[in-house]
Amino acid sequence: MGTHDLSRPLRSDMVVYPGTPPVSIEPAATVDESGFRTTAIELDSHTGTHMDAPAHMVEDGRTLDTYPPETFRFEAAVVDCRPLDDRQPIDQSLLADRTANIKPGDHDMVILRTGWEAYWGDDRYFDHPYLTGDAAAWLAERDLHLGVDMLNVDPTPTANAAPGEPSTYPAHHGLFAADRLIVENLCGLAELGDRVELHAYPLAIEAADGSPVRAVAIDQ
């Protein structure tokens, strides 16, 4: 039974959503000067491999600290959506086709393998595919949480955005309306089989709208 770390290491100046303050992880004290070592960490709650709670975009939405710890241990189906083009919509029909062999009730999460983790650190990472509102509703109707190897489940604004792309985060809202959670910026999905147990525990932040997670998959 293999174990796979699917998390992006947190480091200064790592990839962040456009407009988000940069990450800073710097020494605060050193053994040489102070006799002990500590580190000052400044980052947004949606940095790196992280989890979105409904409170991220819904007024009075549920925060991560209101979910019991067992919520963050997921029975996940890994769904290969490749090949996908830059900024290609992942719609309900594509999801239904790629999940045809998944039995209802066998899983509480779908992890989408888009291949976009390969572009981490490149400008192309921001031109990732995205879920349509109907795809998010399809997942929500099946009580499925969502994990992705992309920066965002909705389109990220860049100069390459196409006319007609949504700008109101329909995928996020479709999942949050059903109290579903989202894990973004996963990596290492090529190592996974079709089914894993995913452990993705957020930090114990009071009233958290999101949090970095250490995402670890265990083969099933």
N, C-alpha and C. Protein backbone atom coordinates (compact mmCIF):
# COMPACT_ATOMS: atom_id res chain seq x y z
N MET A 1 0.85 -1.19 0.00
CA MET A 1 0.00 0.00 0.00
C MET A 1 0.89 1.24 0.00
N GLY A 2 0.89 1.99 -1.11
CA GLY A 2 1.76 3.14 -1.24
C GLY A 2 1.17 4.39 -0.64
N THR A 3 2.06 5.30 -0.26
CA THR A 3 1.67 6.61 0.27
C THR A 3 2.30 7.69 -0.58
N HIS A 4 1.52 8.70 -0.96
CA HIS A 4 1.98 9.72 -1.90
C HIS A 4 1.69 11.11 -1.34
N ASP A 5 2.73 11.93 -1.26
CA ASP A 5 2.56 13.32 -0.85
C ASP A 5 2.18 14.13 -2.08
N LEU A 6 1.01 14.73 -2.07
CA LEU A 6 0.49 15.49 -3.21
C LEU A 6 0.56 17.00 -2.98
N SER A 7 1.41 17.43 -2.05
CA SER A 7 1.44 18.83 -1.61
C SER A 7 2.59 19.60 -2.25
N ARG A 8 2.33 20.86 -2.57
CA ARG A 8 3.37 21.79 -3.00
C ARG A 8 4.11 22.32 -1.77
N PRO A 9 5.44 22.24 -1.74
CA PRO A 9 6.17 22.81 -0.61
C PRO A 9 5.94 24.32 -0.52
N LEU A 10 5.78 24.81 0.69
CA LEU A 10 5.63 26.25 0.91
C LEU A 10 7.01 26.89 0.94
N ARG A 11 7.20 27.91 0.11
CA ARG A 11 8.48 28.61 0.06
C ARG A 11 8.24 30.05 -0.38
N SER A 12 9.20 30.91 -0.10
CA SER A 12 9.09 32.31 -0.50
C SER A 12 8.94 32.42 -2.01
N ASP A 13 8.12 33.38 -2.43
CA ASP A 13 7.95 33.72 -3.84
C ASP A 13 7.43 32.55 -4.68
N MET A 14 6.66 31.65 -4.09
CA MET A 14 6.06 30.56 -4.84
C MET A 14 4.86 31.08 -5.63
N VAL A 15 4.30 30.23 -6.47
CA VAL A 15 3.13 30.60 -7.27
C VAL A 15 1.95 30.94 -6.37
N VAL A 16 1.31 32.07 -6.64
CA VAL A 16 0.09 32.46 -5.92
C VAL A 16 -0.92 32.97 -6.95
N TYR A 17 -2.17 33.04 -6.54
CA TYR A 17 -3.23 33.59 -7.40
C TYR A 17 -2.91 35.05 -7.72
N PRO A 18 -3.15 35.49 -8.96
CA PRO A 18 -2.83 36.87 -9.32
C PRO A 18 -3.44 37.89 -8.35
N GLY A 19 -2.61 38.82 -7.91
CA GLY A 19 -3.05 39.84 -6.99
C GLY A 19 -2.89 39.50 -5.53
N THR A 20 -2.56 38.23 -5.23
CA THR A 20 -2.34 37.81 -3.85
C THR A 20 -0.95 38.23 -3.40
N PRO A 21 -0.78 38.71 -2.18
CA PRO A 21 0.56 39.07 -1.70
C PRO A 21 1.51 37.89 -1.79
N PRO A 22 2.78 38.14 -2.10
CA PRO A 22 3.73 37.04 -2.21
C PRO A 22 3.98 36.35 -0.88
N VAL A 23 4.38 35.10 -0.96
CA VAL A 23 4.71 34.32 0.23
C VAL A 23 6.11 34.73 0.71
N SER A 24 6.24 34.86 2.02
CA SER A 24 7.54 35.14 2.62
C SER A 24 7.78 34.15 3.75
N ILE A 25 8.83 33.36 3.64
CA ILE A 25 9.23 32.42 4.69
C ILE A 25 10.70 32.69 4.97
N GLU A 26 10.98 33.38 6.06
CA GLU A 26 12.32 33.87 6.34
C GLU A 26 12.72 33.56 7.78
N PRO A 27 14.02 33.41 8.04
CA PRO A 27 14.48 33.18 9.42
C PRO A 27 14.09 34.34 10.33
N ALA A 28 13.56 34.02 11.50
CA ALA A 28 13.26 35.02 12.51
C ALA A 28 14.31 35.00 13.62
N ALA A 29 14.87 33.84 13.86
CA ALA A 29 15.95 33.69 14.83
C ALA A 29 16.82 32.53 14.37
N THR A 30 18.10 32.59 14.71
CA THR A 30 19.04 31.54 14.33
C THR A 30 19.71 30.97 15.58
N VAL A 31 20.15 29.72 15.47
CA VAL A 31 20.85 29.09 16.58
C VAL A 31 22.13 29.85 16.90
N ASP A 32 22.83 30.30 15.84
CA ASP A 32 24.09 31.00 16.03
C ASP A 32 23.91 32.30 16.83
N GLU A 33 22.83 33.05 16.52
CA GLU A 33 22.64 34.35 17.15
C GLU A 33 21.79 34.28 18.42
N SER A 34 20.79 33.39 18.45
CA SER A 34 19.82 33.40 19.55
C SER A 34 19.81 32.12 20.38
N GLY A 35 20.49 31.08 19.90
CA GLY A 35 20.47 29.81 20.61
C GLY A 35 19.31 28.93 20.23
N PHE A 36 18.47 29.40 19.34
CA PHE A 36 17.34 28.63 18.83
C PHE A 36 16.99 29.16 17.45
N ARG A 37 16.24 28.36 16.72
CA ARG A 37 15.84 28.73 15.35
C ARG A 37 14.33 28.84 15.27
N THR A 38 13.82 29.93 14.71
CA THR A 38 12.40 30.08 14.39
C THR A 38 12.28 30.72 13.01
N THR A 39 11.09 30.62 12.44
CA THR A 39 10.86 31.10 11.09
C THR A 39 9.61 31.97 11.05
N ALA A 40 9.71 33.11 10.40
CA ALA A 40 8.56 33.99 10.20
C ALA A 40 7.89 33.63 8.88
N ILE A 41 6.57 33.36 8.93
CA ILE A 41 5.83 32.91 7.75
C ILE A 41 4.70 33.89 7.48
N GLU A 42 4.67 34.41 6.27
CA GLU A 42 3.58 35.29 5.84
C GLU A 42 2.99 34.70 4.56
N LEU A 43 1.72 34.37 4.60
CA LEU A 43 1.07 33.80 3.42
C LEU A 43 -0.43 33.96 3.50
N ASP A 44 -1.06 33.89 2.35
CA ASP A 44 -2.52 33.94 2.24
C ASP A 44 -3.09 32.57 2.64
N SER A 45 -4.32 32.56 3.08
CA SER A 45 -4.95 31.30 3.50
C SER A 45 -5.19 30.34 2.34
N HIS A 46 -5.03 30.81 1.11
CA HIS A 46 -5.23 29.97 -0.07
C HIS A 46 -3.92 29.79 -0.84
N THR A 47 -2.86 29.54 -0.10
CA THR A 47 -1.53 29.40 -0.68
C THR A 47 -1.19 27.93 -0.90
N GLY A 48 -0.52 27.67 -2.02
CA GLY A 48 -0.03 26.31 -2.29
C GLY A 48 -1.16 25.31 -2.40
N THR A 49 -0.89 24.09 -2.00
CA THR A 49 -1.93 23.07 -1.95
C THR A 49 -2.83 23.41 -0.76
N HIS A 50 -4.06 23.77 -1.07
CA HIS A 50 -4.92 24.32 -0.02
C HIS A 50 -6.36 23.88 -0.20
N MET A 51 -7.13 24.10 0.85
CA MET A 51 -8.56 23.75 0.85
C MET A 51 -9.39 25.02 0.93
N ASP A 52 -10.44 25.08 0.11
CA ASP A 52 -11.42 26.17 0.13
C ASP A 52 -12.65 25.72 0.91
N ALA A 53 -13.09 26.56 1.83
CA ALA A 53 -14.37 26.35 2.52
C ALA A 53 -15.43 27.24 1.89
N PRO A 54 -16.71 26.93 2.09
CA PRO A 54 -17.76 27.81 1.56
C PRO A 54 -17.60 29.27 1.97
N ALA A 55 -17.04 29.54 3.16
CA ALA A 55 -16.86 30.92 3.61
C ALA A 55 -15.91 31.70 2.71
N HIS A 56 -15.17 31.02 1.85
CA HIS A 56 -14.28 31.69 0.91
C HIS A 56 -15.03 32.65 0.00
N MET A 57 -16.29 32.29 -0.36
CA MET A 57 -17.03 33.11 -1.31
C MET A 57 -18.49 33.32 -0.94
N VAL A 58 -18.94 32.72 0.13
CA VAL A 58 -20.35 32.81 0.52
C VAL A 58 -20.45 33.57 1.84
N GLU A 59 -21.19 34.66 1.85
CA GLU A 59 -21.43 35.40 3.09
C GLU A 59 -22.10 34.47 4.10
N ASP A 60 -21.54 34.38 5.29
CA ASP A 60 -22.02 33.47 6.33
C ASP A 60 -21.85 32.01 5.93
N GLY A 61 -20.98 31.74 4.97
CA GLY A 61 -20.70 30.36 4.57
C GLY A 61 -19.93 29.61 5.65
N ARG A 62 -19.97 28.32 5.57
CA ARG A 62 -19.35 27.47 6.59
C ARG A 62 -17.82 27.60 6.55
N THR A 63 -17.20 27.64 7.71
CA THR A 63 -15.74 27.72 7.81
C THR A 63 -15.15 26.35 8.12
N LEU A 64 -13.86 26.21 7.87
CA LEU A 64 -13.23 24.89 7.99
C LEU A 64 -13.29 24.33 9.40
N ASP A 65 -13.24 25.19 10.40
CA ASP A 65 -13.24 24.72 11.78
C ASP A 65 -14.58 24.13 12.21
N THR A 66 -15.62 24.29 11.41
CA THR A 66 -16.93 23.73 11.75
C THR A 66 -17.12 22.30 11.24
N TYR A 67 -16.18 21.81 10.45
CA TYR A 67 -16.26 20.44 9.96
C TYR A 67 -15.55 19.51 10.93
N PRO A 68 -16.11 18.35 11.23
CA PRO A 68 -15.39 17.41 12.10
C PRO A 68 -14.13 16.88 11.40
N PRO A 69 -13.10 16.53 12.15
CA PRO A 69 -11.83 16.12 11.54
C PRO A 69 -11.95 15.00 10.53
N GLU A 70 -12.88 14.08 10.75
CA GLU A 70 -13.01 12.95 9.82
C GLU A 70 -13.45 13.38 8.43
N THR A 71 -14.02 14.59 8.32
CA THR A 71 -14.42 15.11 7.01
C THR A 71 -13.23 15.17 6.06
N PHE A 72 -12.04 15.43 6.61
CA PHE A 72 -10.86 15.69 5.79
C PHE A 72 -10.11 14.41 5.40
N ARG A 73 -10.73 13.27 5.65
CA ARG A 73 -10.23 11.97 5.17
C ARG A 73 -11.23 11.49 4.12
N PHE A 74 -10.82 11.56 2.86
CA PHE A 74 -11.73 11.37 1.74
C PHE A 74 -11.49 10.03 1.05
N GLU A 75 -12.58 9.40 0.64
CA GLU A 75 -12.51 8.26 -0.29
C GLU A 75 -12.62 8.85 -1.69
N ALA A 76 -11.51 8.89 -2.41
CA ALA A 76 -11.44 9.68 -3.64
C ALA A 76 -11.28 8.81 -4.88
N ALA A 77 -12.05 9.13 -5.89
CA ALA A 77 -11.87 8.55 -7.22
C ALA A 77 -10.99 9.51 -8.02
N VAL A 78 -9.94 8.98 -8.64
CA VAL A 78 -9.03 9.78 -9.46
C VAL A 78 -9.48 9.67 -10.91
N VAL A 79 -9.87 10.80 -11.49
CA VAL A 79 -10.48 10.82 -12.82
C VAL A 79 -9.53 11.52 -13.80
N ASP A 80 -9.12 10.80 -14.82
CA ASP A 80 -8.19 11.35 -15.82
C ASP A 80 -8.98 12.10 -16.88
N CYS A 81 -8.81 13.41 -16.92
CA CYS A 81 -9.51 14.25 -17.89
C CYS A 81 -8.66 14.58 -19.11
N ARG A 82 -7.43 14.13 -19.16
CA ARG A 82 -6.52 14.47 -20.26
C ARG A 82 -6.97 13.81 -21.56
N PRO A 83 -6.63 14.42 -22.71
CA PRO A 83 -5.91 15.69 -22.88
C PRO A 83 -6.86 16.87 -22.82
N LEU A 84 -6.34 17.99 -22.33
CA LEU A 84 -7.11 19.22 -22.25
C LEU A 84 -6.29 20.37 -22.79
N ASP A 85 -6.97 21.34 -23.39
CA ASP A 85 -6.29 22.53 -23.92
C ASP A 85 -6.29 23.65 -22.89
N ASP A 86 -5.49 24.67 -23.16
CA ASP A 86 -5.48 25.85 -22.31
C ASP A 86 -6.89 26.42 -22.19
N ARG A 87 -7.31 26.69 -20.96
CA ARG A 87 -8.58 27.33 -20.67
C ARG A 87 -9.79 26.56 -21.22
N GLN A 88 -9.65 25.25 -21.36
CA GLN A 88 -10.76 24.44 -21.86
C GLN A 88 -11.77 24.18 -20.75
N PRO A 89 -13.06 24.39 -21.00
CA PRO A 89 -14.07 24.06 -20.00
C PRO A 89 -14.18 22.55 -19.79
N ILE A 90 -14.29 22.14 -18.55
CA ILE A 90 -14.60 20.76 -18.19
C ILE A 90 -16.07 20.75 -17.83
N ASP A 91 -16.89 20.22 -18.72
CA ASP A 91 -18.33 20.32 -18.50
C ASP A 91 -18.91 19.02 -17.95
N GLN A 92 -20.21 19.04 -17.73
CA GLN A 92 -20.89 17.89 -17.13
C GLN A 92 -20.75 16.64 -18.00
N SER A 93 -20.84 16.79 -19.31
CA SER A 93 -20.78 15.62 -20.19
C SER A 93 -19.40 14.97 -20.12
N LEU A 94 -18.34 15.77 -20.04
CA LEU A 94 -17.01 15.20 -19.92
C LEU A 94 -16.86 14.45 -18.59
N LEU A 95 -17.33 15.06 -17.51
CA LEU A 95 -17.25 14.39 -16.21
C LEU A 95 -18.05 13.10 -16.21
N ALA A 96 -19.26 13.14 -16.73
CA ALA A 96 -20.11 11.95 -16.76
C ALA A 96 -19.46 10.84 -17.55
N ASP A 97 -18.81 11.20 -18.65
CA ASP A 97 -18.14 10.19 -19.48
C ASP A 97 -16.96 9.57 -18.75
N ARG A 98 -16.15 10.41 -18.10
CA ARG A 98 -14.93 9.90 -17.45
C ARG A 98 -15.21 9.22 -16.12
N THR A 99 -16.40 9.40 -15.57
CA THR A 99 -16.73 8.77 -14.29
C THR A 99 -17.79 7.67 -14.45
N ALA A 100 -17.96 7.18 -15.66
CA ALA A 100 -19.02 6.21 -15.93
C ALA A 100 -18.88 4.93 -15.09
N ASN A 101 -17.65 4.58 -14.71
CA ASN A 101 -17.43 3.35 -13.95
C ASN A 101 -17.47 3.54 -12.43
N ILE A 102 -17.74 4.75 -11.99
CA ILE A 102 -17.79 5.03 -10.55
C ILE A 102 -19.21 4.77 -10.04
N LYS A 103 -19.33 3.92 -9.04
CA LYS A 103 -20.63 3.60 -8.48
C LYS A 103 -21.04 4.66 -7.46
N PRO A 104 -22.30 5.09 -7.50
CA PRO A 104 -22.78 6.08 -6.53
C PRO A 104 -22.57 5.58 -5.10
N GLY A 105 -22.07 6.45 -4.24
CA GLY A 105 -21.87 6.11 -2.84
C GLY A 105 -20.53 5.50 -2.51
N ASP A 106 -19.74 5.14 -3.52
CA ASP A 106 -18.44 4.53 -3.27
C ASP A 106 -17.38 5.56 -2.89
N HIS A 107 -17.61 6.83 -3.21
CA HIS A 107 -16.63 7.87 -2.98
C HIS A 107 -17.31 9.13 -2.43
N ASP A 108 -16.51 9.97 -1.77
CA ASP A 108 -17.04 11.27 -1.37
C ASP A 108 -16.21 12.41 -1.97
N MET A 109 -15.27 12.07 -2.85
CA MET A 109 -14.47 13.08 -3.54
C MET A 109 -14.08 12.58 -4.92
N VAL A 110 -13.97 13.51 -5.84
CA VAL A 110 -13.37 13.25 -7.15
C VAL A 110 -12.13 14.12 -7.27
N ILE A 111 -11.02 13.51 -7.65
CA ILE A 111 -9.79 14.23 -7.95
C ILE A 111 -9.60 14.23 -9.45
N LEU A 112 -9.55 15.41 -10.05
CA LEU A 112 -9.41 15.52 -11.49
C LEU A 112 -7.94 15.65 -11.87
N ARG A 113 -7.47 14.73 -12.69
CA ARG A 113 -6.11 14.79 -13.23
C ARG A 113 -6.18 15.48 -14.60
N THR A 114 -5.76 16.73 -14.64
CA THR A 114 -5.79 17.49 -15.89
C THR A 114 -4.44 17.56 -16.58
N GLY A 115 -3.38 17.24 -15.84
CA GLY A 115 -2.03 17.37 -16.36
C GLY A 115 -1.43 18.75 -16.15
N TRP A 116 -2.21 19.66 -15.54
CA TRP A 116 -1.73 21.05 -15.46
C TRP A 116 -0.65 21.25 -14.40
N GLU A 117 -0.45 20.28 -13.54
CA GLU A 117 0.63 20.41 -12.56
C GLU A 117 1.99 20.52 -13.24
N ALA A 118 2.09 20.05 -14.49
CA ALA A 118 3.36 20.12 -15.22
C ALA A 118 3.79 21.55 -15.50
N TYR A 119 2.85 22.50 -15.44
CA TYR A 119 3.17 23.89 -15.79
C TYR A 119 3.39 24.77 -14.56
N TRP A 120 3.48 24.16 -13.39
CA TRP A 120 3.75 24.92 -12.17
C TRP A 120 5.03 25.74 -12.36
N GLY A 121 4.98 27.01 -12.03
CA GLY A 121 6.13 27.88 -12.20
C GLY A 121 6.24 28.53 -13.56
N ASP A 122 5.35 28.16 -14.48
CA ASP A 122 5.31 28.71 -15.83
C ASP A 122 4.05 29.57 -15.96
N ASP A 123 4.11 30.58 -16.82
CA ASP A 123 2.92 31.42 -17.02
C ASP A 123 1.72 30.61 -17.48
N ARG A 124 1.96 29.50 -18.15
CA ARG A 124 0.85 28.69 -18.65
C ARG A 124 0.01 28.10 -17.51
N TYR A 125 0.58 28.01 -16.33
CA TYR A 125 -0.16 27.46 -15.20
C TYR A 125 -1.44 28.25 -14.92
N PHE A 126 -1.42 29.56 -15.25
CA PHE A 126 -2.57 30.40 -14.99
C PHE A 126 -3.66 30.25 -16.07
N ASP A 127 -3.32 29.61 -17.18
CA ASP A 127 -4.29 29.38 -18.26
C ASP A 127 -4.81 27.94 -18.23
N HIS A 128 -5.11 27.49 -17.05
CA HIS A 128 -5.56 26.12 -16.81
C HIS A 128 -6.98 25.90 -17.33
N PRO A 129 -7.37 24.65 -17.53
CA PRO A 129 -8.81 24.36 -17.76
C PRO A 129 -9.63 24.74 -16.53
N TYR A 130 -10.94 24.67 -16.66
CA TYR A 130 -11.79 25.03 -15.53
C TYR A 130 -13.11 24.30 -15.62
N LEU A 131 -13.79 24.16 -14.48
CA LEU A 131 -15.08 23.50 -14.45
C LEU A 131 -16.20 24.46 -14.80
N THR A 132 -17.17 23.98 -15.51
CA THR A 132 -18.37 24.77 -15.77
C THR A 132 -19.32 24.66 -14.58
N GLY A 133 -20.28 25.57 -14.53
CA GLY A 133 -21.26 25.54 -13.46
C GLY A 133 -22.05 24.24 -13.43
N ASP A 134 -22.37 23.71 -14.61
CA ASP A 134 -23.16 22.47 -14.64
C ASP A 134 -22.34 21.29 -14.16
N ALA A 135 -21.03 21.31 -14.39
CA ALA A 135 -20.15 20.24 -13.89
C ALA A 135 -20.09 20.29 -12.37
N ALA A 136 -19.98 21.49 -11.80
CA ALA A 136 -19.96 21.62 -10.35
C ALA A 136 -21.28 21.16 -9.75
N ALA A 137 -22.39 21.52 -10.39
CA ALA A 137 -23.70 21.09 -9.89
C ALA A 137 -23.82 19.57 -9.94
N TRP A 138 -23.28 18.97 -10.98
CA TRP A 138 -23.30 17.50 -11.13
C TRP A 138 -22.57 16.85 -9.97
N LEU A 139 -21.41 17.40 -9.60
CA LEU A 139 -20.67 16.87 -8.45
C LEU A 139 -21.44 17.08 -7.15
N ALA A 140 -22.00 18.29 -7.00
CA ALA A 140 -22.72 18.61 -5.77
C ALA A 140 -23.93 17.71 -5.57
N GLU A 141 -24.63 17.42 -6.66
CA GLU A 141 -25.81 16.55 -6.57
C GLU A 141 -25.44 15.15 -6.08
N ARG A 142 -24.19 14.76 -6.29
CA ARG A 142 -23.70 13.44 -5.88
C ARG A 142 -22.92 13.50 -4.58
N ASP A 143 -23.00 14.65 -3.89
CA ASP A 143 -22.34 14.83 -2.59
C ASP A 143 -20.84 14.59 -2.67
N LEU A 144 -20.22 15.07 -3.74
CA LEU A 144 -18.80 14.86 -3.96
C LEU A 144 -18.00 16.14 -3.72
N HIS A 145 -16.97 16.03 -2.90
CA HIS A 145 -15.97 17.09 -2.80
C HIS A 145 -15.09 17.01 -4.04
N LEU A 146 -14.23 18.01 -4.22
CA LEU A 146 -13.43 18.09 -5.45
C LEU A 146 -11.98 18.42 -5.14
N GLY A 147 -11.06 17.71 -5.79
CA GLY A 147 -9.64 18.03 -5.77
C GLY A 147 -9.14 18.20 -7.19
N VAL A 148 -8.21 19.14 -7.41
CA VAL A 148 -7.69 19.40 -8.74
C VAL A 148 -6.20 19.69 -8.69
N ASP A 149 -5.53 19.45 -9.82
CA ASP A 149 -4.10 19.77 -9.95
C ASP A 149 -3.91 21.11 -10.65
N MET A 150 -4.83 22.04 -10.42
CA MET A 150 -4.83 23.36 -11.04
C MET A 150 -4.87 24.43 -9.96
N LEU A 151 -4.61 25.66 -10.37
CA LEU A 151 -4.64 26.80 -9.45
C LEU A 151 -6.04 27.10 -8.96
N ASN A 152 -7.06 26.76 -9.78
CA ASN A 152 -8.40 27.29 -9.55
C ASN A 152 -9.39 26.39 -10.26
N VAL A 153 -10.56 26.18 -9.70
CA VAL A 153 -11.59 25.40 -10.40
C VAL A 153 -12.39 26.26 -11.36
N ASP A 154 -12.33 27.59 -11.19
CA ASP A 154 -12.91 28.55 -12.13
C ASP A 154 -11.78 29.17 -12.94
N PRO A 155 -12.08 29.90 -14.01
CA PRO A 155 -11.02 30.51 -14.80
C PRO A 155 -10.24 31.55 -13.99
N THR A 156 -8.93 31.57 -14.20
CA THR A 156 -8.08 32.59 -13.59
C THR A 156 -7.87 33.70 -14.63
N PRO A 157 -8.10 34.95 -14.27
CA PRO A 157 -7.97 36.04 -15.25
C PRO A 157 -6.53 36.18 -15.75
N THR A 158 -6.36 36.15 -17.07
CA THR A 158 -5.09 36.45 -17.72
C THR A 158 -5.41 37.17 -19.02
N ALA A 159 -4.35 37.59 -19.73
CA ALA A 159 -4.54 38.24 -21.03
C ALA A 159 -5.10 37.28 -22.06
N ASN A 160 -5.05 35.98 -21.78
CA ASN A 160 -5.52 34.96 -22.73
C ASN A 160 -6.97 34.55 -22.50
N ALA A 161 -7.64 35.20 -21.58
CA ALA A 161 -9.04 34.85 -21.31
C ALA A 161 -9.88 35.04 -22.56
N ALA A 162 -10.77 34.10 -22.81
CA ALA A 162 -11.62 34.14 -24.00
C ALA A 162 -12.92 34.88 -23.69
N PRO A 163 -13.51 35.54 -24.70
CA PRO A 163 -14.81 36.18 -24.49
C PRO A 163 -15.84 35.15 -24.01
N GLY A 164 -16.64 35.54 -23.06
CA GLY A 164 -17.68 34.64 -22.58
C GLY A 164 -17.29 33.76 -21.42
N GLU A 165 -16.01 33.77 -21.03
CA GLU A 165 -15.64 32.99 -19.85
C GLU A 165 -16.32 33.55 -18.61
N PRO A 166 -16.72 32.68 -17.68
CA PRO A 166 -17.40 33.18 -16.47
C PRO A 166 -16.45 33.99 -15.60
N SER A 167 -17.00 34.98 -14.94
CA SER A 167 -16.21 35.83 -14.05
C SER A 167 -16.78 35.86 -12.64
N THR A 168 -17.79 35.05 -12.38
CA THR A 168 -18.47 35.08 -11.08
C THR A 168 -18.29 33.78 -10.29
N TYR A 169 -17.32 32.97 -10.65
CA TYR A 169 -16.94 31.76 -9.91
C TYR A 169 -18.09 30.74 -9.78
N PRO A 170 -18.69 30.34 -10.90
CA PRO A 170 -19.83 29.42 -10.80
C PRO A 170 -19.46 28.04 -10.26
N ALA A 171 -18.26 27.56 -10.54
CA ALA A 171 -17.88 26.24 -10.03
C ALA A 171 -17.74 26.27 -8.50
N HIS A 172 -17.05 27.28 -8.00
CA HIS A 172 -16.96 27.42 -6.54
C HIS A 172 -18.35 27.50 -5.92
N HIS A 173 -19.19 28.38 -6.44
CA HIS A 173 -20.51 28.59 -5.83
C HIS A 173 -21.38 27.34 -5.93
N GLY A 174 -21.26 26.61 -7.04
CA GLY A 174 -22.06 25.40 -7.19
C GLY A 174 -21.70 24.34 -6.15
N LEU A 175 -20.42 24.23 -5.83
CA LEU A 175 -19.99 23.27 -4.81
C LEU A 175 -20.27 23.78 -3.40
N PHE A 176 -20.02 25.06 -3.18
CA PHE A 176 -20.24 25.62 -1.84
C PHE A 176 -21.71 25.59 -1.44
N ALA A 177 -22.60 25.71 -2.42
CA ALA A 177 -24.03 25.67 -2.11
C ALA A 177 -24.44 24.34 -1.49
N ALA A 178 -23.66 23.30 -1.76
CA ALA A 178 -23.94 21.97 -1.20
C ALA A 178 -22.97 21.62 -0.07
N ASP A 179 -22.28 22.62 0.47
CA ASP A 179 -21.33 22.41 1.57
C ASP A 179 -20.16 21.52 1.16
N ARG A 180 -19.82 21.55 -0.10
CA ARG A 180 -18.69 20.75 -0.58
C ARG A 180 -17.39 21.54 -0.41
N LEU A 181 -16.29 20.82 -0.24
CA LEU A 181 -14.96 21.39 -0.09
C LEU A 181 -14.17 21.23 -1.38
N ILE A 182 -13.19 22.11 -1.58
CA ILE A 182 -12.35 22.09 -2.78
C ILE A 182 -10.89 22.10 -2.36
N VAL A 183 -10.10 21.20 -2.95
CA VAL A 183 -8.65 21.20 -2.74
C VAL A 183 -7.99 21.53 -4.08
N GLU A 184 -7.18 22.59 -4.09
CA GLU A 184 -6.52 23.06 -5.32
C GLU A 184 -5.01 22.94 -5.21
N ASN A 185 -4.36 22.95 -6.37
CA ASN A 185 -2.89 22.87 -6.46
C ASN A 185 -2.33 21.54 -5.95
N LEU A 186 -3.05 20.46 -6.19
CA LEU A 186 -2.48 19.14 -5.92
C LEU A 186 -1.38 18.85 -6.94
N CYS A 187 -0.47 17.95 -6.60
CA CYS A 187 0.57 17.54 -7.53
C CYS A 187 0.87 16.06 -7.31
N GLY A 188 1.65 15.48 -8.22
CA GLY A 188 2.00 14.07 -8.11
C GLY A 188 0.87 13.11 -8.46
N LEU A 189 -0.12 13.57 -9.21
CA LEU A 189 -1.27 12.72 -9.50
C LEU A 189 -0.93 11.57 -10.44
N ALA A 190 0.16 11.70 -11.20
CA ALA A 190 0.54 10.63 -12.13
C ALA A 190 0.87 9.34 -11.39
N GLU A 191 1.21 9.45 -10.12
CA GLU A 191 1.58 8.27 -9.34
C GLU A 191 0.37 7.49 -8.82
N LEU A 192 -0.81 8.06 -8.95
CA LEU A 192 -1.99 7.48 -8.31
C LEU A 192 -2.72 6.51 -9.22
N GLY A 193 -3.37 5.54 -8.57
CA GLY A 193 -4.29 4.67 -9.29
C GLY A 193 -5.66 5.32 -9.36
N ASP A 194 -6.67 4.49 -9.62
CA ASP A 194 -8.02 5.02 -9.81
C ASP A 194 -8.73 5.38 -8.51
N ARG A 195 -8.21 4.88 -7.40
CA ARG A 195 -8.89 5.12 -6.13
C ARG A 195 -7.86 5.28 -5.02
N VAL A 196 -8.03 6.31 -4.20
CA VAL A 196 -7.12 6.54 -3.06
C VAL A 196 -7.92 7.02 -1.87
N GLU A 197 -7.31 6.89 -0.71
CA GLU A 197 -7.81 7.58 0.48
C GLU A 197 -6.95 8.84 0.63
N LEU A 198 -7.58 9.98 0.55
CA LEU A 198 -6.86 11.24 0.63
C LEU A 198 -7.03 11.85 2.01
N HIS A 199 -5.91 12.13 2.67
CA HIS A 199 -5.91 12.85 3.93
C HIS A 199 -5.45 14.27 3.62
N ALA A 200 -6.27 15.26 3.91
CA ALA A 200 -5.95 16.66 3.60
C ALA A 200 -6.45 17.52 4.76
N TYR A 201 -5.63 17.64 5.79
CA TYR A 201 -6.06 18.32 7.01
C TYR A 201 -5.64 19.79 6.99
N PRO A 202 -6.60 20.69 7.14
CA PRO A 202 -6.27 22.11 7.20
C PRO A 202 -5.67 22.48 8.55
N LEU A 203 -4.99 23.61 8.60
CA LEU A 203 -4.51 24.13 9.87
C LEU A 203 -5.70 24.51 10.76
N ALA A 204 -5.49 24.46 12.06
CA ALA A 204 -6.56 24.76 13.01
C ALA A 204 -6.69 26.27 13.17
N ILE A 205 -7.18 26.92 12.12
CA ILE A 205 -7.35 28.37 12.09
C ILE A 205 -8.81 28.69 12.43
N GLU A 206 -9.01 29.56 13.40
CA GLU A 206 -10.38 29.92 13.77
C GLU A 206 -11.08 30.62 12.61
N ALA A 207 -12.31 30.16 12.31
CA ALA A 207 -13.15 30.76 11.27
C ALA A 207 -12.43 30.83 9.93
N ALA A 208 -11.78 29.74 9.56
CA ALA A 208 -10.96 29.73 8.34
C ALA A 208 -11.79 29.62 7.08
N ASP A 209 -11.57 30.56 6.14
CA ASP A 209 -12.18 30.48 4.81
C ASP A 209 -11.39 29.54 3.91
N GLY A 210 -10.17 29.22 4.31
CA GLY A 210 -9.31 28.31 3.57
C GLY A 210 -8.05 28.07 4.36
N SER A 211 -7.26 27.08 3.92
CA SER A 211 -6.02 26.79 4.63
C SER A 211 -5.12 25.92 3.76
N PRO A 212 -3.81 26.15 3.83
CA PRO A 212 -2.90 25.16 3.25
C PRO A 212 -3.14 23.80 3.92
N VAL A 213 -2.93 22.73 3.16
CA VAL A 213 -3.08 21.38 3.68
C VAL A 213 -1.85 20.55 3.31
N ARG A 214 -1.58 19.55 4.09
CA ARG A 214 -0.63 18.50 3.70
C ARG A 214 -1.48 17.37 3.13
N ALA A 215 -1.51 17.26 1.83
CA ALA A 215 -2.37 16.30 1.15
C ALA A 215 -1.59 15.02 0.91
N VAL A 216 -2.03 13.94 1.52
CA VAL A 216 -1.35 12.65 1.43
C VAL A 216 -2.35 11.61 0.95
N ALA A 217 -2.03 10.90 -0.12
CA ALA A 217 -2.91 9.87 -0.68
C ALA A 217 -2.36 8.49 -0.33
N ILE A 218 -3.26 7.60 0.03
CA ILE A 218 -2.91 6.22 0.34
C ILE A 218 -3.62 5.33 -0.66
N ASP A 219 -2.86 4.47 -1.33
CA ASP A 219 -3.44 3.59 -2.35
C ASP A 219 -4.50 2.69 -1.73
N GLN A 220 -5.54 2.43 -2.51
CA GLN A 220 -6.62 1.54 -2.08
C GLN A 220 -6.64 0.27 -2.92
